[in-house]
Amino acid sequence: MMHRNNSKVERRIKKNRVKAILLILLLLCTVTSIIILKTDIFYIKTLEINGNKKLSKEDVLTYAENAVGYNIFKIKLKKVRENLLRNPYIKTAEIQRKLPDQLMIEIIERKEAAVVPFMGNYFIIDDEGIVLKGDTHASGLKVITGLEFSNFMEGSMLQVADQEQLDKALLIVKAMEGVQIDVKEIDVTNKKNIIVRLNDNLYCKLGEGNNLNYKLQLLFNILSDLQSKDITRGVIDISHEGYPSYRPVE
């Protein structure tokens, strides 16, 4: 009988102990929640931005809706990322919390590759054909002509009548990054016979735009020879697989 009473007492003590532990945990959770949500310890004080070259820190902060002052646990990183990607120049964006009060933003920017004329002005595109912004000048970039389109939207792919024309033009732009050739215009009006204008009086027939690395190196060598002879006018033809040719013009 005495043993049975002792067992009841022990069970009661264990039960009270569990209740006490649960109460303490509840109090700790409540205090922690108050600290996290109600005090300024976890309010964002700084944003560290990496990867921006074209864009200023202020440009990035504008699209990040300047998260400074928000609780670091309440802010929705997915929403911040979506806002950042609204900037046409931002290709990718990754955001991380750095406790207690900092957000880390890592971006990869789109690079200006070429411009396309439109109603007396230009718009700049990257190497994927994404429209970055409108401009009144060519800004020293290669001009792509011969494309047919009705309008464009910043941050979206340029919608053209013939996608192959745009693809070939962008391939030429990319291939020219490895060759020191000053190009004024890439004309893809006839995609079977692409024209590269080097100045107002000298241009090159590039054909369909195949074997680009070989042809552009060939063009570089020909230009070097012409420049050594002070020749700045004429037509260079490397459109076929045979020997290249040069024809002077008046």
C-alpha atoms as a PDB file:
ATOM      1  CA  MET A   1       0.000   0.000   0.000  1.00  0.00           C
ATOM      2  CA  MET A   2       2.850   2.336   0.915  1.00  0.00           C
ATOM      3  CA  HIS A   3       4.614   1.515  -2.379  1.00  0.00           C
ATOM      4  CA  ARG A   4       1.480   2.389  -4.354  1.00  0.00           C
ATOM      5  CA  ASN A   5       1.200   5.810  -2.687  1.00  0.00           C
ATOM      6  CA  ASN A   6       4.856   6.550  -3.424  1.00  0.00           C
ATOM      7  CA  SER A   7       4.250   5.764  -7.117  1.00  0.00           C
ATOM      8  CA  LYS A   8       1.349   8.211  -7.244  1.00  0.00           C
ATOM      9  CA  VAL A   9       3.452  10.927  -5.672  1.00  0.00           C
ATOM     10  CA  GLU A  10       6.300  10.317  -8.125  1.00  0.00           C
ATOM     11  CA  ARG A  11       3.923  10.490 -11.088  1.00  0.00           C
ATOM     12  CA  ARG A  12       2.464  13.741  -9.772  1.00  0.00           C
ATOM     13  CA  ILE A  13       5.942  15.216  -9.351  1.00  0.00           C
ATOM     14  CA  LYS A  14       6.942  14.173 -12.905  1.00  0.00           C
ATOM     15  CA  LYS A  15       3.704  15.618 -14.274  1.00  0.00           C
ATOM     16  CA  ASN A  16       4.279  18.933 -12.511  1.00  0.00           C
ATOM     17  CA  ARG A  17       7.881  18.962 -13.706  1.00  0.00           C
ATOM     18  CA  VAL A  18       6.780  18.515 -17.325  1.00  0.00           C
ATOM     19  CA  LYS A  19       4.243  21.314 -16.919  1.00  0.00           C
ATOM     20  CA  ALA A  20       6.930  23.578 -15.490  1.00  0.00           C
ATOM     21  CA  ILE A  21       9.314  22.805 -18.348  1.00  0.00           C
ATOM     22  CA  LEU A  22       6.585  23.473 -20.937  1.00  0.00           C
ATOM     23  CA  LEU A  23       5.707  26.738 -19.221  1.00  0.00           C
ATOM     24  CA  ILE A  24       9.369  27.818 -19.232  1.00  0.00           C
ATOM     25  CA  LEU A  25       9.687  26.907 -22.937  1.00  0.00           C
ATOM     26  CA  LEU A  26       6.519  28.864 -23.694  1.00  0.00           C
ATOM     27  CA  LEU A  27       7.885  31.868 -21.845  1.00  0.00           C
ATOM     28  CA  LEU A  28      11.213  31.572 -23.693  1.00  0.00           C
ATOM     29  CA  CYS A  29       9.431  31.390 -27.046  1.00  0.00           C
ATOM     30  CA  THR A  30       7.326  34.426 -26.133  1.00  0.00           C
ATOM     31  CA  VAL A  31      10.347  36.438 -25.034  1.00  0.00           C
ATOM     32  CA  THR A  32      12.286  35.370 -28.142  1.00  0.00           C
ATOM     33  CA  SER A  33       9.383  36.352 -30.403  1.00  0.00           C
ATOM     34  CA  ILE A  34       9.174  39.757 -28.732  1.00  0.00           C
ATOM     35  CA  ILE A  35      12.916  40.282 -29.161  1.00  0.00           C
ATOM     36  CA  ILE A  36      12.802  39.214 -32.797  1.00  0.00           C
ATOM     37  CA  LEU A  37       9.672  41.061 -33.850  1.00  0.00           C
ATOM     38  CA  LYS A  38       9.326  44.028 -31.535  1.00  0.00           C
ATOM     39  CA  THR A  39      12.862  45.273 -30.905  1.00  0.00           C
ATOM     40  CA  ASP A  40      15.187  46.903 -33.452  1.00  0.00           C
ATOM     41  CA  ILE A  41      17.964  44.330 -33.005  1.00  0.00           C
ATOM     42  CA  PHE A  42      16.830  42.488 -36.139  1.00  0.00           C
ATOM     43  CA  TYR A  43      15.814  45.543 -38.152  1.00  0.00           C
ATOM     44  CA  ILE A  44      17.821  45.767 -41.397  1.00  0.00           C
ATOM     45  CA  LYS A  45      20.434  48.482 -41.121  1.00  0.00           C
ATOM     46  CA  THR A  46      22.632  47.813 -44.167  1.00  0.00           C
ATOM     47  CA  LEU A  47      22.398  46.196 -47.599  1.00  0.00           C
ATOM     48  CA  GLU A  48      25.609  44.846 -49.090  1.00  0.00           C
ATOM     49  CA  ILE A  49      25.464  44.809 -52.891  1.00  0.00           C
ATOM     50  CA  ASN A  50      27.927  42.863 -55.034  1.00  0.00           C
ATOM     51  CA  GLY A  51      28.221  42.369 -58.796  1.00  0.00           C
ATOM     52  CA  ASN A  52      27.003  45.801 -59.893  1.00  0.00           C
ATOM     53  CA  LYS A  53      29.208  47.456 -62.508  1.00  0.00           C
ATOM     54  CA  LYS A  54      26.888  49.388 -64.798  1.00  0.00           C
ATOM     55  CA  LEU A  55      24.307  50.044 -62.100  1.00  0.00           C
ATOM     56  CA  SER A  56      25.020  52.219 -59.092  1.00  0.00           C
ATOM     57  CA  LYS A  57      24.207  51.088 -55.567  1.00  0.00           C
ATOM     58  CA  GLU A  58      21.340  53.573 -55.580  1.00  0.00           C
ATOM     59  CA  ASP A  59      19.918  52.002 -58.769  1.00  0.00           C
ATOM     60  CA  VAL A  60      19.864  48.591 -57.102  1.00  0.00           C
ATOM     61  CA  LEU A  61      18.396  49.952 -53.862  1.00  0.00           C
ATOM     62  CA  THR A  62      15.564  51.578 -55.814  1.00  0.00           C
ATOM     63  CA  TYR A  63      14.449  48.216 -57.191  1.00  0.00           C
ATOM     64  CA  ALA A  64      15.069  46.499 -53.851  1.00  0.00           C
ATOM     65  CA  GLU A  65      12.598  49.049 -52.433  1.00  0.00           C
ATOM     66  CA  ASN A  66      15.303  49.950 -49.917  1.00  0.00           C
ATOM     67  CA  ALA A  67      14.660  47.243 -47.347  1.00  0.00           C
ATOM     68  CA  VAL A  68      16.527  49.197 -44.658  1.00  0.00           C
ATOM     69  CA  GLY A  69      14.343  49.553 -41.572  1.00  0.00           C
ATOM     70  CA  TYR A  70      12.350  46.362 -42.105  1.00  0.00           C
ATOM     71  CA  ASN A  71      12.503  43.374 -39.785  1.00  0.00           C
ATOM     72  CA  ILE A  72      14.947  40.888 -41.279  1.00  0.00           C
ATOM     73  CA  PHE A  73      12.626  37.938 -40.563  1.00  0.00           C
ATOM     74  CA  LYS A  74       9.499  39.603 -41.904  1.00  0.00           C
ATOM     75  CA  ILE A  75      10.930  40.723 -45.236  1.00  0.00           C
ATOM     76  CA  LYS A  76      10.116  38.372 -48.139  1.00  0.00           C
ATOM     77  CA  LEU A  77      13.314  37.574 -50.020  1.00  0.00           C
ATOM     78  CA  LYS A  78      11.393  36.216 -53.014  1.00  0.00           C
ATOM     79  CA  LYS A  79       9.569  39.527 -53.375  1.00  0.00           C
ATOM     80  CA  VAL A  80      12.830  41.502 -53.144  1.00  0.00           C
ATOM     81  CA  ARG A  81      14.342  39.265 -55.837  1.00  0.00           C
ATOM     82  CA  GLU A  82      11.310  39.708 -58.116  1.00  0.00           C
ATOM     83  CA  ASN A  83      11.550  43.489 -57.723  1.00  0.00           C
ATOM     84  CA  LEU A  84      15.258  43.457 -58.578  1.00  0.00           C
ATOM     85  CA  LEU A  85      14.633  41.434 -61.743  1.00  0.00           C
ATOM     86  CA  ARG A  86      12.284  44.175 -62.945  1.00  0.00           C
ATOM     87  CA  ASN A  87      15.412  46.172 -63.781  1.00  0.00           C
ATOM     88  CA  PRO A  88      16.336  45.194 -67.363  1.00  0.00           C
ATOM     89  CA  TYR A  89      20.046  45.353 -66.532  1.00  0.00           C
ATOM     90  CA  ILE A  90      19.780  42.737 -63.765  1.00  0.00           C
ATOM     91  CA  LYS A  91      20.054  39.217 -65.177  1.00  0.00           C
ATOM     92  CA  THR A  92      20.107  37.277 -61.894  1.00  0.00           C
ATOM     93  CA  ALA A  93      19.735  38.246 -58.242  1.00  0.00           C
ATOM     94  CA  GLU A  94      20.372  36.281 -55.064  1.00  0.00           C
ATOM     95  CA  ILE A  95      19.469  37.615 -51.617  1.00  0.00           C
ATOM     96  CA  GLN A  96      20.570  36.238 -48.245  1.00  0.00           C
ATOM     97  CA  ARG A  97      19.992  37.288 -44.649  1.00  0.00           C
ATOM     98  CA  LYS A  98      23.062  37.988 -42.563  1.00  0.00           C
ATOM     99  CA  LEU A  99      22.067  38.188 -38.915  1.00  0.00           C
ATOM    100  CA  PRO A 100      21.352  40.261 -37.112  1.00  0.00           C
ATOM    101  CA  ASP A 101      20.705  43.256 -39.373  1.00  0.00           C
ATOM    102  CA  GLN A 102      22.115  42.892 -42.898  1.00  0.00           C
ATOM    103  CA  LEU A 103      20.902  41.753 -46.321  1.00  0.00           C
ATOM    104  CA  MET A 104      23.395  40.448 -48.886  1.00  0.00           C
ATOM    105  CA  ILE A 105      22.426  41.099 -52.524  1.00  0.00           C
ATOM    106  CA  GLU A 106      24.446  39.428 -55.296  1.00  0.00           C
ATOM    107  CA  ILE A 107      23.556  40.366 -58.877  1.00  0.00           C
ATOM    108  CA  ILE A 108      24.776  39.540 -62.357  1.00  0.00           C
ATOM    109  CA  GLU A 109      24.231  42.324 -64.848  1.00  0.00           C
ATOM    110  CA  ARG A 110      23.339  42.118 -68.504  1.00  0.00           C
ATOM    111  CA  LYS A 111      25.973  43.660 -70.758  1.00  0.00           C
ATOM    112  CA  GLU A 112      25.216  46.128 -73.534  1.00  0.00           C
ATOM    113  CA  ALA A 113      26.007  44.394 -76.828  1.00  0.00           C
ATOM    114  CA  ALA A 114      24.485  46.409 -79.671  1.00  0.00           C
ATOM    115  CA  VAL A 115      21.912  49.027 -80.622  1.00  0.00           C
ATOM    116  CA  VAL A 116      18.957  48.843 -82.989  1.00  0.00           C
ATOM    117  CA  PRO A 117      17.599  51.957 -84.766  1.00  0.00           C
ATOM    118  CA  PHE A 118      13.949  52.820 -84.130  1.00  0.00           C
ATOM    119  CA  MET A 119      12.108  55.919 -85.389  1.00  0.00           C
ATOM    120  CA  GLY A 120      15.147  58.188 -85.335  1.00  0.00           C
ATOM    121  CA  ASN A 121      16.449  56.886 -82.026  1.00  0.00           C
ATOM    122  CA  TYR A 122      17.985  53.649 -80.772  1.00  0.00           C
ATOM    123  CA  PHE A 123      17.468  51.015 -78.158  1.00  0.00           C
ATOM    124  CA  ILE A 124      20.209  48.968 -76.563  1.00  0.00           C
ATOM    125  CA  ILE A 125      20.096  45.161 -76.425  1.00  0.00           C
ATOM    126  CA  ASP A 126      22.280  42.579 -74.718  1.00  0.00           C
ATOM    127  CA  ASP A 127      23.825  39.475 -76.290  1.00  0.00           C
ATOM    128  CA  GLU A 128      20.553  37.545 -75.829  1.00  0.00           C
ATOM    129  CA  GLY A 129      18.409  40.164 -77.554  1.00  0.00           C
ATOM    130  CA  ILE A 130      16.923  41.544 -74.328  1.00  0.00           C
ATOM    131  CA  VAL A 131      16.007  45.224 -74.637  1.00  0.00           C
ATOM    132  CA  LEU A 132      17.841  47.189 -71.942  1.00  0.00           C
ATOM    133  CA  LYS A 133      16.824  50.796 -72.613  1.00  0.00           C
ATOM    134  CA  GLY A 134      16.134  53.416 -75.249  1.00  0.00           C
ATOM    135  CA  ASP A 135      18.758  55.988 -76.212  1.00  0.00           C
ATOM    136  CA  THR A 136      19.151  58.935 -78.546  1.00  0.00           C
ATOM    137  CA  HIS A 137      22.650  57.839 -79.586  1.00  0.00           C
ATOM    138  CA  ALA A 138      24.378  54.627 -80.624  1.00  0.00           C
ATOM    139  CA  SER A 139      26.614  55.005 -77.535  1.00  0.00           C
ATOM    140  CA  GLY A 140      29.638  53.561 -79.347  1.00  0.00           C
ATOM    141  CA  LEU A 141      27.966  50.171 -79.775  1.00  0.00           C
ATOM    142  CA  LYS A 142      27.579  48.195 -83.009  1.00  0.00           C
ATOM    143  CA  VAL A 143      24.427  49.092 -84.913  1.00  0.00           C
ATOM    144  CA  ILE A 144      22.240  46.210 -86.149  1.00  0.00           C
ATOM    145  CA  THR A 145      20.040  47.091 -89.133  1.00  0.00           C
ATOM    146  CA  GLY A 146      17.667  45.117 -91.336  1.00  0.00           C
ATOM    147  CA  LEU A 147      15.433  43.797 -88.543  1.00  0.00           C
ATOM    148  CA  GLU A 148      11.655  44.024 -88.865  1.00  0.00           C
ATOM    149  CA  PHE A 149       9.591  44.707 -85.722  1.00  0.00           C
ATOM    150  CA  SER A 150       6.714  46.942 -84.664  1.00  0.00           C
ATOM    151  CA  ASN A 151       7.615  47.833 -81.087  1.00  0.00           C
ATOM    152  CA  PHE A 152       9.752  46.804 -78.146  1.00  0.00           C
ATOM    153  CA  MET A 153       9.568  46.560 -74.359  1.00  0.00           C
ATOM    154  CA  GLU A 154      12.412  47.143 -71.926  1.00  0.00           C
ATOM    155  CA  GLY A 155      13.358  43.969 -70.074  1.00  0.00           C
ATOM    156  CA  SER A 156      11.842  41.675 -72.735  1.00  0.00           C
ATOM    157  CA  MET A 157      13.238  39.838 -75.741  1.00  0.00           C
ATOM    158  CA  LEU A 158      13.072  41.866 -78.930  1.00  0.00           C
ATOM    159  CA  GLN A 159      10.278  40.340 -80.999  1.00  0.00           C
ATOM    160  CA  VAL A 160      11.305  40.393 -84.651  1.00  0.00           C
ATOM    161  CA  ALA A 161       9.696  39.058 -87.809  1.00  0.00           C
ATOM    162  CA  ASP A 162      12.682  36.813 -88.550  1.00  0.00           C
ATOM    163  CA  GLN A 163      14.419  35.474 -85.439  1.00  0.00           C
ATOM    164  CA  GLU A 164      17.256  34.009 -87.515  1.00  0.00           C
ATOM    165  CA  GLN A 165      18.294  37.516 -88.587  1.00  0.00           C
ATOM    166  CA  LEU A 166      18.642  38.644 -84.974  1.00  0.00           C
ATOM    167  CA  ASP A 167      20.410  35.423 -83.941  1.00  0.00           C
ATOM    168  CA  LYS A 168      23.001  35.816 -86.714  1.00  0.00           C
ATOM    169  CA  ALA A 169      23.587  39.467 -85.875  1.00  0.00           C
ATOM    170  CA  LEU A 170      24.166  38.636 -82.204  1.00  0.00           C
ATOM    171  CA  LEU A 171      26.533  35.807 -83.117  1.00  0.00           C
ATOM    172  CA  ILE A 172      28.583  38.250 -85.194  1.00  0.00           C
ATOM    173  CA  VAL A 173      28.636  40.764 -82.338  1.00  0.00           C
ATOM    174  CA  LYS A 174      29.840  38.095 -79.934  1.00  0.00           C
ATOM    175  CA  ALA A 175      32.458  36.750 -82.341  1.00  0.00           C
ATOM    176  CA  MET A 176      33.847  40.253 -82.838  1.00  0.00           C
ATOM    177  CA  GLU A 177      34.681  40.503 -79.131  1.00  0.00           C
ATOM    178  CA  GLY A 178      37.828  38.470 -79.818  1.00  0.00           C
ATOM    179  CA  VAL A 179      38.926  40.487 -82.871  1.00  0.00           C
ATOM    180  CA  GLN A 180      40.037  44.122 -82.897  1.00  0.00           C
ATOM    181  CA  ILE A 181      37.812  45.370 -85.699  1.00  0.00           C
ATOM    182  CA  ASP A 182      35.944  48.664 -85.538  1.00  0.00           C
ATOM    183  CA  VAL A 183      32.496  48.017 -86.986  1.00  0.00           C
ATOM    184  CA  LYS A 184      29.949  50.712 -87.664  1.00  0.00           C
ATOM    185  CA  GLU A 185      26.997  48.572 -88.732  1.00  0.00           C
ATOM    186  CA  ILE A 186      25.859  44.974 -89.191  1.00  0.00           C
ATOM    187  CA  ASP A 187      23.193  44.781 -91.882  1.00  0.00           C
ATOM    188  CA  VAL A 188      21.152  41.555 -91.840  1.00  0.00           C
ATOM    189  CA  THR A 189      18.508  42.666 -94.330  1.00  0.00           C
ATOM    190  CA  ASN A 190      19.602  39.733 -96.507  1.00  0.00           C
ATOM    191  CA  LYS A 191      20.564  36.951 -94.094  1.00  0.00           C
ATOM    192  CA  LYS A 192      22.148  35.049 -96.982  1.00  0.00           C
ATOM    193  CA  ASN A 193      24.522  37.928 -97.595  1.00  0.00           C
ATOM    194  CA  ILE A 194      25.170  39.836 -94.367  1.00  0.00           C
ATOM    195  CA  ILE A 195      26.970  43.157 -94.793  1.00  0.00           C
ATOM    196  CA  VAL A 196      29.399  44.540 -92.212  1.00  0.00           C
ATOM    197  CA  ARG A 197      30.043  48.254 -92.681  1.00  0.00           C
ATOM    198  CA  LEU A 198      33.421  49.345 -91.383  1.00  0.00           C
ATOM    199  CA  ASN A 199      32.970  53.015 -92.323  1.00  0.00           C
ATOM    200  CA  ASP A 200      30.877  55.024 -94.766  1.00  0.00           C
ATOM    201  CA  ASN A 201      32.993  53.883 -97.728  1.00  0.00           C
ATOM    202  CA  LEU A 202      34.293  50.451 -96.781  1.00  0.00           C
ATOM    203  CA  TYR A 203      32.204  47.366 -96.199  1.00  0.00           C
ATOM    204  CA  CYS A 204      32.524  43.599 -96.124  1.00  0.00           C
ATOM    205  CA  LYS A 205      30.286  40.891 -97.554  1.00  0.00           C
ATOM    206  CA  LEU A 206      30.098  38.195 -94.893  1.00  0.00           C
ATOM    207  CA  GLY A 207      27.732  35.745 -96.587  1.00  0.00           C
ATOM    208  CA  GLU A 208      25.435  33.736 -94.307  1.00  0.00           C
ATOM    209  CA  GLY A 209      27.608  34.314 -91.262  1.00  0.00           C
ATOM    210  CA  ASN A 210      29.095  30.836 -90.992  1.00  0.00           C
ATOM    211  CA  ASN A 211      32.713  30.089 -89.983  1.00  0.00           C
ATOM    212  CA  LEU A 212      32.719  33.410 -88.179  1.00  0.00           C
ATOM    213  CA  ASN A 213      35.954  33.056 -86.227  1.00  0.00           C
ATOM    214  CA  TYR A 214      37.888  32.180 -89.367  1.00  0.00           C
ATOM    215  CA  LYS A 215      36.251  34.877 -91.489  1.00  0.00           C
ATOM    216  CA  LEU A 216      36.693  37.628 -88.928  1.00  0.00           C
ATOM    217  CA  GLN A 217      40.353  36.806 -88.476  1.00  0.00           C
ATOM    218  CA  LEU A 218      40.656  36.897 -92.260  1.00  0.00           C
ATOM    219  CA  LEU A 219      38.903  40.264 -92.309  1.00  0.00           C
ATOM    220  CA  PHE A 220      41.283  41.562 -89.650  1.00  0.00           C
ATOM    221  CA  ASN A 221      44.292  40.576 -91.763  1.00  0.00           C
ATOM    222  CA  ILE A 222      42.830  42.170 -94.885  1.00  0.00           C
ATOM    223  CA  LEU A 223      42.042  45.400 -93.034  1.00  0.00           C
ATOM    224  CA  SER A 224      45.562  45.536 -91.650  1.00  0.00           C
ATOM    225  CA  ASP A 225      46.925  45.235 -95.180  1.00  0.00           C
ATOM    226  CA  LEU A 226      44.548  47.902 -96.541  1.00  0.00           C
ATOM    227  CA  GLN A 227      45.371  50.287 -93.702  1.00  0.00           C
ATOM    228  CA  SER A 228      49.097  49.874 -94.354  1.00  0.00           C
ATOM    229  CA  LYS A 229      48.356  51.082 -97.892  1.00  0.00           C
ATOM    230  CA  ASP A 230      46.114  53.896 -96.641  1.00  0.00           C
ATOM    231  CA  ILE A 231      43.063  52.377 -98.372  1.00  0.00           C
ATOM    232  CA  THR A 232      39.749  53.283 -96.712  1.00  0.00           C
ATOM    233  CA  ARG A 233      37.270  52.654 -99.542  1.00  0.00           C
ATOM    234  CA  GLY A 234      36.045  49.534-101.269  1.00  0.00           C
ATOM    235  CA  VAL A 235      34.305  46.193-100.917  1.00  0.00           C
ATOM    236  CA  ILE A 236      35.800  43.140 -99.186  1.00  0.00           C
ATOM    237  CA  ASP A 237      34.182  39.849-100.096  1.00  0.00           C
ATOM    238  CA  ILE A 238      34.609  36.845 -97.775  1.00  0.00           C
ATOM    239  CA  SER A 239      31.110  35.483 -98.353  1.00  0.00           C
ATOM    240  CA  HIS A 240      32.281  32.290-100.042  1.00  0.00           C
ATOM    241  CA  GLU A 241      34.652  29.477 -99.116  1.00  0.00           C
ATOM    242  CA  GLY A 242      37.230  30.396-101.746  1.00  0.00           C
ATOM    243  CA  TYR A 243      39.838  33.138-101.694  1.00  0.00           C
ATOM    244  CA  PRO A 244      38.707  36.513-100.349  1.00  0.00           C
ATOM    245  CA  SER A 245      38.621  39.478-102.700  1.00  0.00           C
ATOM    246  CA  TYR A 246      38.827  43.236-102.522  1.00  0.00           C
ATOM    247  CA  ARG A 247      37.283  45.639-105.039  1.00  0.00           C
ATOM    248  CA  PRO A 248      37.997  49.370-104.945  1.00  0.00           C
ATOM    249  CA  VAL A 249      35.147  51.818-105.435  1.00  0.00           C
ATOM    250  CA  GLU A 250      35.076  55.455-106.428  1.00  0.00           C
END
